[in-house]
Amino acid sequence: MKENNFTEGKIVAPLVRFVFPIMFAMLIQSLYGAVDLLVVGQFSDPANVSAVSVGSQIMHTVTLVIAELAVGTTVLLGQLIGQQNLKECGKVVGTTIFSFSIMGIAVALIMQPLASRAAMLMNAPTEAFLQTVSYIRICSGGAVFIVAYNILGSIFRGIGDAKMPLITVLIAAVFNVFGDLLFVAGLHMGASGAAIATVMAQALSVVLSFFIIKRRGVPFPFSVSDIRFRGNLLGRILRLGAPVALQDLLVSTSFLIIMAIVNELGVVASAGVGVAEKLCGFIMLLPSSFSQAMSSFVAQNYGAGKMRRAEKALVCGIGVSFLCSLVIGYAAFFHGEILSGIFSNNAEVCFASAEYLKGYAIDCLLTSFLFCFIGFFSGCSRTGFVMVQGIAGAFGVRVPLSLLFSKIQPVSIFRIGLATPCSSLMQILLCFAYFYRFRRQYRKR
């Protein structure tokens, strides 16, 4: 456990060392999702590109809710380790595996009849409607594996191990590449082929990862008998994770609304925003990595009662993330068409993507602050505030501004994209205000 202990010693070096495996895992995860769009963009028409972008956004929203519920597991494990209560860790992991497996089965059953309705709500272009429905049904059919795949990462980040999630995503990415080449490039199955490749890759990743975990072991007592339902532990996990999951659901819903607005502009605009969303996965890698690392780092120090150390970690995380984001934001703002050309050979799609991408380039700088704050508050069990600020940003700023900008003639995709950094700026102001209030509270104790 010594190498996973964040409560002693230096701050910057251990934090950065923890961030890098998380960032590489997220990079591979982004490449994983990007390969689908890349192969479909090169071997299919814009309708299939639109189907993958719309369908993957819907499935991302569904699986994200369950995966974010597992933030409760990440935070609870971190706090237990900070308290040196290792015996309870095995029970938390067992409860997580059992409970979330049931949730995955429920998603698989519920989404089959709802696939068409989801595509309709998203205003999927007529040319891409059937492909979108097929993509949703195939992916949701493998929801158990998709959920298990995400849960593994949450558990190991909670114990301070960022290497195992990296191994998991690497396995999935390799299988996904071969699957896309087989089903999309070889058999010309379009969006359906990309969905089949995704499910098969994550299923194989989960199976192989369990074998690796069995050989490596975990730094606390754990056995198969621990995998069962425990109402008290599940309640603690959900109390921590539910606010974050609800926030992410509503935030993701706000992006679905924006995509639905853009879908009304036609298949080219729909495909362009879909490409931009994939590129956003790369643009937001560093700030997102710091958010996940921060929650684990702070959770251990919160459990150990070392809040001044947690504050220093927050400042260090923001500083490093912001400096790196300057370079990333510059590339996305001024070279968006070149980046978009990686995923599509259609000039109109690339132009639309580049216009929308400029908003994300600005947002990249702001999320250096926002995501570190979110990780900090999550690690301190203040997930209720995380939920409030996320909802306020999504429905108080992002959606209203997107609707407003979509009505201004001539319609500009760049203008619609600006709604996102406007939302982040407001959320940062809320985070600063809450941070100073929260700090006064715990320093009085």
Protein backbone atom coordinates (compact mmCIF):
# COMPACT_ATOMS: atom_id res chain seq x y z
CA MET A 1 0.00 0.00 0.00
CA LYS A 2 2.99 2.35 0.38
CA GLU A 3 3.12 3.29 -3.31
CA ASN A 4 -0.62 4.10 -3.21
CA ASN A 5 -0.43 6.27 -0.09
CA PHE A 6 -1.03 9.95 -0.89
CA THR A 7 -1.16 11.17 2.71
CA GLU A 8 2.59 11.58 3.23
CA GLY A 9 5.63 13.01 1.45
CA LYS A 10 5.70 15.28 -1.59
CA ILE A 11 2.58 16.39 -3.43
CA VAL A 12 3.38 17.40 -7.00
CA ALA A 13 5.46 14.38 -8.02
CA PRO A 14 3.06 11.69 -6.67
CA LEU A 15 0.06 13.59 -8.08
CA VAL A 16 1.61 13.88 -11.55
CA ARG A 17 2.74 10.24 -11.46
CA PHE A 18 -0.83 9.26 -10.65
CA VAL A 19 -2.26 11.54 -13.34
CA PHE A 20 -0.19 10.14 -16.21
CA PRO A 21 -1.53 6.55 -16.16
CA ILE A 22 -5.05 7.97 -15.85
CA MET A 23 -4.39 10.33 -18.77
CA PHE A 24 -2.94 7.56 -20.92
CA ALA A 25 -5.93 5.36 -20.08
CA MET A 26 -8.27 8.18 -21.09
CA LEU A 27 -6.19 8.81 -24.22
CA ILE A 28 -6.55 5.20 -25.24
CA GLN A 29 -10.26 5.37 -24.33
CA SER A 30 -10.63 8.40 -26.59
CA LEU A 31 -8.72 6.62 -29.35
CA TYR A 32 -10.99 3.65 -28.71
CA GLY A 33 -14.09 5.75 -29.41
CA ALA A 34 -12.37 7.70 -32.16
CA VAL A 35 -11.46 4.54 -34.07
CA ASP A 36 -15.17 3.82 -34.58
CA LEU A 37 -15.74 7.24 -36.10
CA LEU A 38 -12.45 7.18 -37.99
CA VAL A 39 -13.09 3.85 -39.69
CA VAL A 40 -16.77 4.63 -40.34
CA GLY A 41 -15.78 8.06 -41.71
CA GLN A 42 -13.33 6.50 -44.14
CA PHE A 43 -15.36 3.47 -45.24
CA SER A 44 -18.98 4.69 -44.97
CA ASP A 45 -21.09 7.72 -45.85
CA PRO A 46 -22.01 10.79 -43.70
CA ALA A 47 -25.25 9.06 -42.64
CA ASN A 48 -23.29 6.31 -40.86
CA VAL A 49 -20.95 8.91 -39.34
CA SER A 50 -23.99 10.74 -37.99
CA ALA A 51 -25.45 7.46 -36.67
CA VAL A 52 -22.26 6.63 -34.75
CA SER A 53 -21.96 10.17 -33.34
CA VAL A 54 -25.62 10.36 -32.25
CA GLY A 55 -25.86 6.75 -31.08
CA SER A 56 -22.60 6.85 -29.14
CA GLN A 57 -23.69 10.06 -27.41
CA ILE A 58 -26.92 8.39 -26.28
CA MET A 59 -25.11 5.28 -25.05
CA HIS A 60 -22.48 7.43 -23.38
CA THR A 61 -25.24 9.17 -21.43
CA VAL A 62 -26.83 5.88 -20.34
CA THR A 63 -23.63 4.14 -19.25
CA LEU A 64 -22.16 7.33 -17.77
CA VAL A 65 -24.90 7.47 -15.15
CA ILE A 66 -24.06 4.01 -13.84
CA ALA A 67 -20.32 4.54 -14.15
CA GLU A 68 -20.54 7.83 -12.25
CA LEU A 69 -22.52 6.17 -9.48
CA ALA A 70 -19.30 4.22 -8.95
CA VAL A 71 -17.57 7.49 -8.02
CA GLY A 72 -19.05 6.65 -4.64
CA THR A 73 -16.89 3.51 -4.65
CA THR A 74 -13.78 5.49 -5.63
CA VAL A 75 -14.27 8.06 -2.89
CA LEU A 76 -15.31 5.56 -0.20
CA LEU A 77 -12.31 3.31 -0.90
CA GLY A 78 -9.96 6.30 -0.80
CA GLN A 79 -11.34 7.45 2.54
CA LEU A 80 -11.16 3.94 4.03
CA ILE A 81 -7.54 3.63 2.93
CA GLY A 82 -6.77 7.02 4.46
CA GLN A 83 -8.28 5.67 7.70
CA GLN A 84 -6.28 2.41 7.33
CA ASN A 85 -9.56 0.42 7.40
CA LEU A 86 -8.53 -2.18 4.79
CA LYS A 87 -10.91 -4.90 5.99
CA GLU A 88 -13.93 -2.86 4.90
CA CYS A 89 -12.46 -2.26 1.42
CA GLY A 90 -13.12 -5.85 0.28
CA LYS A 91 -16.76 -5.58 1.28
CA VAL A 92 -17.14 -2.30 -0.63
CA VAL A 93 -15.67 -3.86 -3.79
CA GLY A 94 -17.87 -6.97 -3.47
CA THR A 95 -20.99 -4.87 -3.00
CA THR A 96 -20.07 -2.74 -6.01
CA ILE A 97 -19.55 -5.73 -8.31
CA PHE A 98 -22.85 -7.36 -7.32
CA SER A 99 -25.02 -4.24 -7.40
CA PHE A 100 -23.69 -2.75 -10.61
CA SER A 101 -23.96 -6.06 -12.46
CA ILE A 102 -27.70 -5.96 -11.77
CA MET A 103 -27.83 -2.39 -13.07
CA GLY A 104 -26.07 -3.43 -16.28
CA ILE A 105 -28.63 -6.18 -16.92
CA ALA A 106 -31.44 -3.68 -16.35
CA VAL A 107 -29.96 -1.26 -18.90
CA ALA A 108 -29.68 -4.04 -21.50
CA LEU A 109 -33.36 -4.94 -21.09
CA ILE A 110 -34.76 -1.40 -20.91
CA MET A 111 -32.89 0.13 -23.84
CA GLN A 112 -34.03 -2.40 -26.47
CA PRO A 113 -37.60 -1.06 -26.79
CA LEU A 114 -36.48 2.53 -26.16
CA ALA A 115 -33.87 2.73 -28.93
CA SER A 116 -36.23 4.18 -31.56
CA ARG A 117 -37.68 6.70 -29.12
CA ALA A 118 -34.18 7.83 -28.11
CA ALA A 119 -33.19 8.36 -31.75
CA MET A 120 -36.41 10.35 -32.33
CA LEU A 121 -35.79 12.56 -29.28
CA MET A 122 -32.31 13.28 -30.62
CA ASN A 123 -33.74 14.37 -33.99
CA ALA A 124 -31.48 11.84 -35.71
CA PRO A 125 -31.39 12.81 -39.42
CA THR A 126 -33.77 10.77 -41.59
CA GLU A 127 -30.89 9.35 -43.62
CA ALA A 128 -29.21 8.09 -40.41
CA PHE A 129 -32.25 7.06 -38.33
CA LEU A 130 -32.23 3.27 -38.85
CA GLN A 131 -28.46 3.06 -38.42
CA THR A 132 -28.71 5.05 -35.18
CA VAL A 133 -31.38 2.71 -33.76
CA SER A 134 -29.30 -0.34 -34.69
CA TYR A 135 -26.20 1.14 -33.02
CA ILE A 136 -28.10 1.83 -29.78
CA ARG A 137 -29.66 -1.64 -29.62
CA ILE A 138 -26.41 -3.49 -30.20
CA CYS A 139 -24.44 -1.42 -27.68
CA SER A 140 -27.13 -1.59 -25.01
CA GLY A 141 -27.32 -5.36 -25.47
CA GLY A 142 -23.76 -5.52 -24.14
CA ALA A 143 -24.38 -3.08 -21.28
CA VAL A 144 -23.21 -5.58 -18.64
CA PHE A 145 -19.73 -5.62 -20.13
CA ILE A 146 -19.69 -1.86 -20.70
CA VAL A 147 -20.66 -1.25 -17.06
CA ALA A 148 -18.14 -3.80 -15.75
CA TYR A 149 -15.45 -2.20 -17.88
CA ASN A 150 -16.10 1.20 -16.27
CA ILE A 151 -16.47 -0.17 -12.75
CA LEU A 152 -13.01 -1.75 -12.82
CA GLY A 153 -11.47 1.67 -13.35
CA SER A 154 -13.42 3.24 -10.48
CA ILE A 155 -12.35 0.54 -8.03
CA PHE A 156 -8.65 0.73 -8.81
CA ARG A 157 -8.50 4.52 -8.88
CA GLY A 158 -10.07 4.41 -5.41
CA ILE A 159 -7.13 2.39 -4.07
CA GLY A 160 -4.60 4.64 -5.79
CA ASP A 161 -3.77 2.22 -8.61
CA ALA A 162 -3.97 3.95 -12.01
CA LYS A 163 -2.08 1.20 -13.85
CA MET A 164 -4.81 -1.44 -13.84
CA PRO A 165 -7.39 0.82 -15.54
CA LEU A 166 -4.71 1.58 -18.14
CA ILE A 167 -4.23 -2.13 -18.80
CA THR A 168 -7.99 -2.64 -19.05
CA VAL A 169 -8.54 0.11 -21.61
CA LEU A 170 -5.46 -0.92 -23.59
CA ILE A 171 -6.83 -4.44 -24.01
CA ALA A 172 -10.20 -3.07 -25.13
CA ALA A 173 -8.63 -0.61 -27.57
CA VAL A 174 -6.56 -3.28 -29.32
CA PHE A 175 -9.57 -5.58 -29.77
CA ASN A 176 -11.72 -2.65 -30.93
CA VAL A 177 -9.30 -1.74 -33.72
CA PHE A 178 -9.38 -5.27 -35.09
CA GLY A 179 -13.16 -5.39 -34.72
CA ASP A 180 -13.69 -2.13 -36.62
CA LEU A 181 -11.39 -3.21 -39.42
CA LEU A 182 -13.26 -6.51 -39.68
CA PHE A 183 -16.88 -5.37 -39.39
CA VAL A 184 -16.72 -1.86 -40.87
CA ALA A 185 -13.83 -1.84 -43.34
CA GLY A 186 -14.03 -5.53 -44.27
CA LEU A 187 -17.71 -6.46 -44.07
CA HIS A 188 -19.02 -2.90 -44.71
CA MET A 189 -21.51 -3.06 -41.83
CA GLY A 190 -21.28 0.69 -41.07
CA ALA A 191 -22.57 1.88 -37.69
CA SER A 192 -23.81 -1.60 -36.73
CA GLY A 193 -20.33 -3.02 -37.29
CA ALA A 194 -18.81 -0.33 -35.07
CA ALA A 195 -21.30 -1.18 -32.31
CA ILE A 196 -20.52 -4.93 -32.52
CA ALA A 197 -16.77 -4.19 -32.34
CA THR A 198 -17.28 -1.98 -29.26
CA VAL A 199 -19.25 -4.58 -27.29
CA MET A 200 -16.94 -7.47 -28.19
CA ALA A 201 -13.83 -5.46 -27.30
CA GLN A 202 -15.13 -4.48 -23.86
CA ALA A 203 -16.35 -8.02 -23.13
CA LEU A 204 -12.91 -9.46 -23.92
CA SER A 205 -11.25 -6.69 -21.90
CA VAL A 206 -13.33 -7.47 -18.81
CA VAL A 207 -12.62 -11.22 -19.02
CA LEU A 208 -8.87 -10.79 -19.48
CA SER A 209 -8.69 -8.08 -16.81
CA PHE A 210 -10.22 -10.40 -14.21
CA PHE A 211 -7.54 -12.98 -14.94
CA ILE A 212 -4.84 -10.33 -14.51
CA ILE A 213 -6.38 -9.10 -11.26
CA LYS A 214 -6.54 -12.67 -9.95
CA ARG A 215 -2.81 -13.07 -10.54
CA ARG A 216 -1.81 -9.64 -9.19
CA GLY A 217 -4.19 -9.55 -6.25
CA VAL A 218 -5.43 -6.45 -4.42
CA PRO A 219 -3.93 -4.66 -1.38
CA PHE A 220 -6.73 -5.73 1.00
CA PRO A 221 -8.59 -8.93 1.95
CA PHE A 222 -11.01 -9.94 -0.82
CA SER A 223 -12.67 -13.20 -1.91
CA VAL A 224 -15.59 -14.36 -4.06
CA SER A 225 -17.75 -14.58 -0.92
CA ASP A 226 -17.49 -10.78 -0.61
CA ILE A 227 -19.51 -10.40 -3.84
CA ARG A 228 -23.01 -10.01 -2.43
CA PHE A 229 -25.59 -7.39 -1.59
CA ARG A 230 -25.00 -5.18 1.47
CA GLY A 231 -27.64 -2.50 1.87
CA ASN A 232 -25.64 -0.31 4.25
CA LEU A 233 -22.56 -0.17 2.01
CA LEU A 234 -24.58 0.31 -1.17
CA GLY A 235 -26.36 3.18 0.58
CA ARG A 236 -23.03 4.85 1.38
CA ILE A 237 -21.82 4.36 -2.21
CA LEU A 238 -25.00 5.82 -3.67
CA ARG A 239 -25.05 8.78 -1.26
CA LEU A 240 -21.61 9.72 -2.55
CA GLY A 241 -22.12 8.73 -6.19
CA ALA A 242 -25.78 9.59 -6.87
CA PRO A 243 -25.33 13.40 -6.86
CA VAL A 244 -22.39 13.09 -9.28
CA ALA A 245 -24.35 10.67 -11.48
CA LEU A 246 -27.39 12.95 -11.53
CA GLN A 247 -25.19 15.92 -12.36
CA ASP A 248 -23.49 14.05 -15.20
CA LEU A 249 -26.84 12.78 -16.47
CA LEU A 250 -28.24 16.29 -16.67
CA VAL A 251 -25.01 17.74 -18.07
CA SER A 252 -24.88 15.00 -20.69
CA THR A 253 -28.56 15.63 -21.40
CA SER A 254 -27.73 19.26 -22.02
CA PHE A 255 -25.20 18.18 -24.65
CA LEU A 256 -27.80 15.85 -26.16
CA ILE A 257 -30.14 18.84 -26.41
CA ILE A 258 -27.40 20.82 -28.15
CA MET A 259 -26.80 17.93 -30.54
CA ALA A 260 -30.54 17.73 -31.22
CA ILE A 261 -30.50 21.46 -32.03
CA VAL A 262 -27.59 20.95 -34.41
CA ASN A 263 -29.20 17.85 -35.97
CA GLU A 264 -32.00 20.08 -37.22
CA LEU A 265 -29.42 21.89 -39.35
CA GLY A 266 -28.85 18.76 -41.45
CA VAL A 267 -26.67 15.68 -41.75
CA VAL A 268 -23.46 17.65 -42.47
CA ALA A 269 -23.81 19.75 -39.32
CA SER A 270 -24.73 16.62 -37.34
CA ALA A 271 -21.68 14.74 -38.59
CA GLY A 272 -19.46 17.80 -38.01
CA VAL A 273 -20.48 18.17 -34.38
CA GLY A 274 -20.07 14.41 -33.95
CA VAL A 275 -16.47 14.68 -35.16
CA ALA A 276 -15.89 17.68 -32.87
CA GLU A 277 -17.24 15.73 -29.88
CA LYS A 278 -14.75 12.94 -30.57
CA LEU A 279 -11.92 15.47 -30.76
CA CYS A 280 -13.19 16.99 -27.52
CA GLY A 281 -12.33 13.69 -25.85
CA PHE A 282 -8.69 14.41 -26.63
CA ILE A 283 -8.84 18.12 -25.84
CA MET A 284 -10.25 17.47 -22.36
CA LEU A 285 -7.88 14.61 -21.54
CA LEU A 286 -5.60 16.49 -19.17
CA PRO A 287 -8.21 18.39 -17.14
CA SER A 288 -10.36 15.24 -16.91
CA SER A 289 -7.36 13.20 -15.74
CA PHE A 290 -6.61 15.71 -13.01
CA SER A 291 -10.24 15.58 -11.89
CA GLN A 292 -10.12 11.81 -11.39
CA ALA A 293 -6.68 11.92 -9.77
CA MET A 294 -7.72 14.77 -7.51
CA SER A 295 -10.75 12.89 -6.15
CA SER A 296 -8.58 9.89 -5.15
CA PHE A 297 -5.71 12.03 -3.80
CA VAL A 298 -8.02 14.27 -1.77
CA ALA A 299 -10.20 11.37 -0.52
CA GLN A 300 -7.20 9.74 1.19
CA ASN A 301 -6.14 13.02 2.81
CA TYR A 302 -9.71 13.82 3.80
CA GLY A 303 -9.99 10.40 5.45
CA ALA A 304 -6.68 11.03 7.24
CA GLY A 305 -7.76 14.52 8.33
CA LYS A 306 -5.02 16.29 6.33
CA MET A 307 -7.04 19.01 4.64
CA ARG A 308 -4.22 21.53 4.23
CA ARG A 309 -2.37 18.93 2.19
CA ALA A 310 -5.54 18.43 0.10
CA GLU A 311 -5.69 22.20 -0.53
CA LYS A 312 -2.09 22.24 -1.76
CA ALA A 313 -2.88 19.36 -4.11
CA LEU A 314 -5.78 21.39 -5.56
CA VAL A 315 -3.53 24.38 -6.27
CA CYS A 316 -0.82 22.20 -7.83
CA GLY A 317 -3.34 20.36 -9.99
CA ILE A 318 -4.86 23.58 -11.33
CA GLY A 319 -1.43 25.06 -12.12
CA VAL A 320 -0.05 22.07 -14.04
CA SER A 321 -3.31 21.44 -15.87
CA PHE A 322 -3.67 25.08 -16.98
CA LEU A 323 -0.14 25.35 -18.37
CA CYS A 324 -0.58 22.21 -20.47
CA SER A 325 -4.05 23.26 -21.61
CA LEU A 326 -2.65 26.46 -23.15
CA VAL A 327 -0.89 24.39 -25.81
CA ILE A 328 -3.87 22.08 -26.39
CA GLY A 329 -6.33 24.97 -26.63
CA TYR A 330 -4.16 26.79 -29.18
CA ALA A 331 -4.01 23.74 -31.46
CA ALA A 332 -7.78 23.17 -31.26
CA PHE A 333 -8.72 26.80 -31.91
CA PHE A 334 -6.40 27.57 -34.81
CA HIS A 335 -5.99 24.14 -36.44
CA GLY A 336 -9.44 22.59 -36.04
CA GLU A 337 -9.92 21.70 -39.71
CA ILE A 338 -6.64 19.79 -39.83
CA LEU A 339 -7.60 17.83 -36.71
CA SER A 340 -11.11 17.18 -38.03
CA GLY A 341 -9.64 15.82 -41.26
CA ILE A 342 -8.38 12.83 -39.30
CA PHE A 343 -11.96 11.61 -38.88
CA SER A 344 -13.62 12.69 -42.10
CA ASN A 345 -12.62 13.22 -45.72
CA ASN A 346 -15.64 15.47 -46.34
CA ALA A 347 -14.61 19.16 -46.50
CA GLU A 348 -18.01 20.46 -45.34
CA VAL A 349 -18.03 18.14 -42.33
CA CYS A 350 -14.48 19.22 -41.39
CA PHE A 351 -15.40 22.91 -41.59
CA ALA A 352 -18.48 22.43 -39.39
CA SER A 353 -16.41 20.45 -36.89
CA ALA A 354 -13.68 23.11 -36.74
CA GLU A 355 -16.23 25.86 -36.05
CA TYR A 356 -17.78 23.97 -33.15
CA LEU A 357 -14.34 22.96 -31.87
CA LYS A 358 -13.32 26.57 -31.21
CA GLY A 359 -15.71 26.70 -28.27
CA TYR A 360 -14.11 23.60 -26.75
CA ALA A 361 -10.65 25.13 -27.24
CA ILE A 362 -11.67 28.02 -24.96
CA ASP A 363 -13.38 25.64 -22.55
CA CYS A 364 -10.19 23.59 -22.24
CA LEU A 365 -8.54 26.46 -20.35
CA LEU A 366 -11.51 26.93 -18.03
CA THR A 367 -11.92 23.24 -17.20
CA SER A 368 -8.35 23.24 -15.83
CA PHE A 369 -9.89 25.05 -12.88
CA LEU A 370 -13.36 23.52 -12.93
CA PHE A 371 -12.43 19.83 -13.12
CA CYS A 372 -9.83 20.10 -10.35
CA PHE A 373 -12.44 21.73 -8.12
CA ILE A 374 -14.91 18.95 -8.94
CA GLY A 375 -12.32 16.29 -8.03
CA PHE A 376 -11.51 18.12 -4.79
CA PHE A 377 -15.13 18.41 -3.67
CA SER A 378 -15.87 14.78 -4.63
CA GLY A 379 -12.93 13.58 -2.53
CA CYS A 380 -14.30 15.57 0.41
CA SER A 381 -17.74 13.91 0.09
CA ARG A 382 -19.25 17.20 -1.13
CA THR A 383 -20.85 15.57 -4.15
CA GLY A 384 -24.10 17.42 -3.46
CA PHE A 385 -22.44 20.69 -4.42
CA VAL A 386 -20.87 19.01 -7.47
CA MET A 387 -24.39 18.16 -8.57
CA VAL A 388 -25.77 21.65 -7.96
CA GLN A 389 -23.04 23.51 -9.85
CA GLY A 390 -23.22 21.07 -12.76
CA ILE A 391 -26.98 21.45 -13.13
CA ALA A 392 -26.73 25.22 -12.79
CA GLY A 393 -24.17 25.37 -15.57
CA ALA A 394 -26.02 22.99 -17.87
CA PHE A 395 -29.55 24.33 -17.62
CA GLY A 396 -28.88 27.83 -16.32
CA VAL A 397 -26.38 28.75 -19.04
CA ARG A 398 -25.43 26.09 -21.63
CA VAL A 399 -28.86 25.03 -22.92
CA PRO A 400 -30.50 28.50 -22.87
CA LEU A 401 -27.54 30.08 -24.68
CA SER A 402 -27.43 27.26 -27.24
CA LEU A 403 -31.12 27.76 -27.99
CA LEU A 404 -30.64 31.53 -28.19
CA PHE A 405 -27.62 31.31 -30.49
CA SER A 406 -29.38 28.79 -32.75
CA LYS A 407 -32.11 31.38 -33.42
CA ILE A 408 -29.72 34.16 -34.44
CA GLN A 409 -29.43 34.40 -38.22
CA PRO A 410 -27.25 33.41 -39.93
CA VAL A 411 -26.88 30.35 -37.69
CA SER A 412 -23.28 29.85 -36.56
CA ILE A 413 -22.05 26.53 -35.18
CA PHE A 414 -19.16 28.41 -33.57
CA ARG A 415 -21.62 30.64 -31.74
CA ILE A 416 -23.55 27.61 -30.50
CA GLY A 417 -20.27 26.08 -29.30
CA LEU A 418 -19.54 29.18 -27.18
CA ALA A 419 -22.36 28.19 -24.82
CA THR A 420 -20.07 25.57 -23.25
CA PRO A 421 -17.23 27.88 -22.05
CA CYS A 422 -19.84 30.38 -20.83
CA SER A 423 -21.28 27.62 -18.66
CA SER A 424 -17.84 26.61 -17.32
CA LEU A 425 -17.03 30.20 -16.34
CA MET A 426 -20.17 30.47 -14.24
CA GLN A 427 -19.45 27.10 -12.60
CA ILE A 428 -15.90 28.17 -11.69
CA LEU A 429 -17.26 31.23 -9.90
CA LEU A 430 -19.61 28.98 -7.91
CA CYS A 431 -16.71 26.65 -7.05
CA PHE A 432 -14.51 29.48 -5.74
CA ALA A 433 -17.34 30.77 -3.55
CA TYR A 434 -18.11 27.32 -2.14
CA PHE A 435 -14.42 26.50 -1.61
CA TYR A 436 -13.86 29.49 0.69
CA ARG A 437 -17.04 28.73 2.61
CA PHE A 438 -16.11 25.05 2.96
CA ARG A 439 -12.54 25.90 4.06
CA ARG A 440 -13.79 28.18 6.83
CA GLN A 441 -15.99 25.36 8.10
CA TYR A 442 -13.33 22.69 8.43
CA ARG A 443 -10.66 25.05 9.77
CA LYS A 444 -12.95 25.97 12.66
CA ARG A 445 -13.11 22.34 13.81
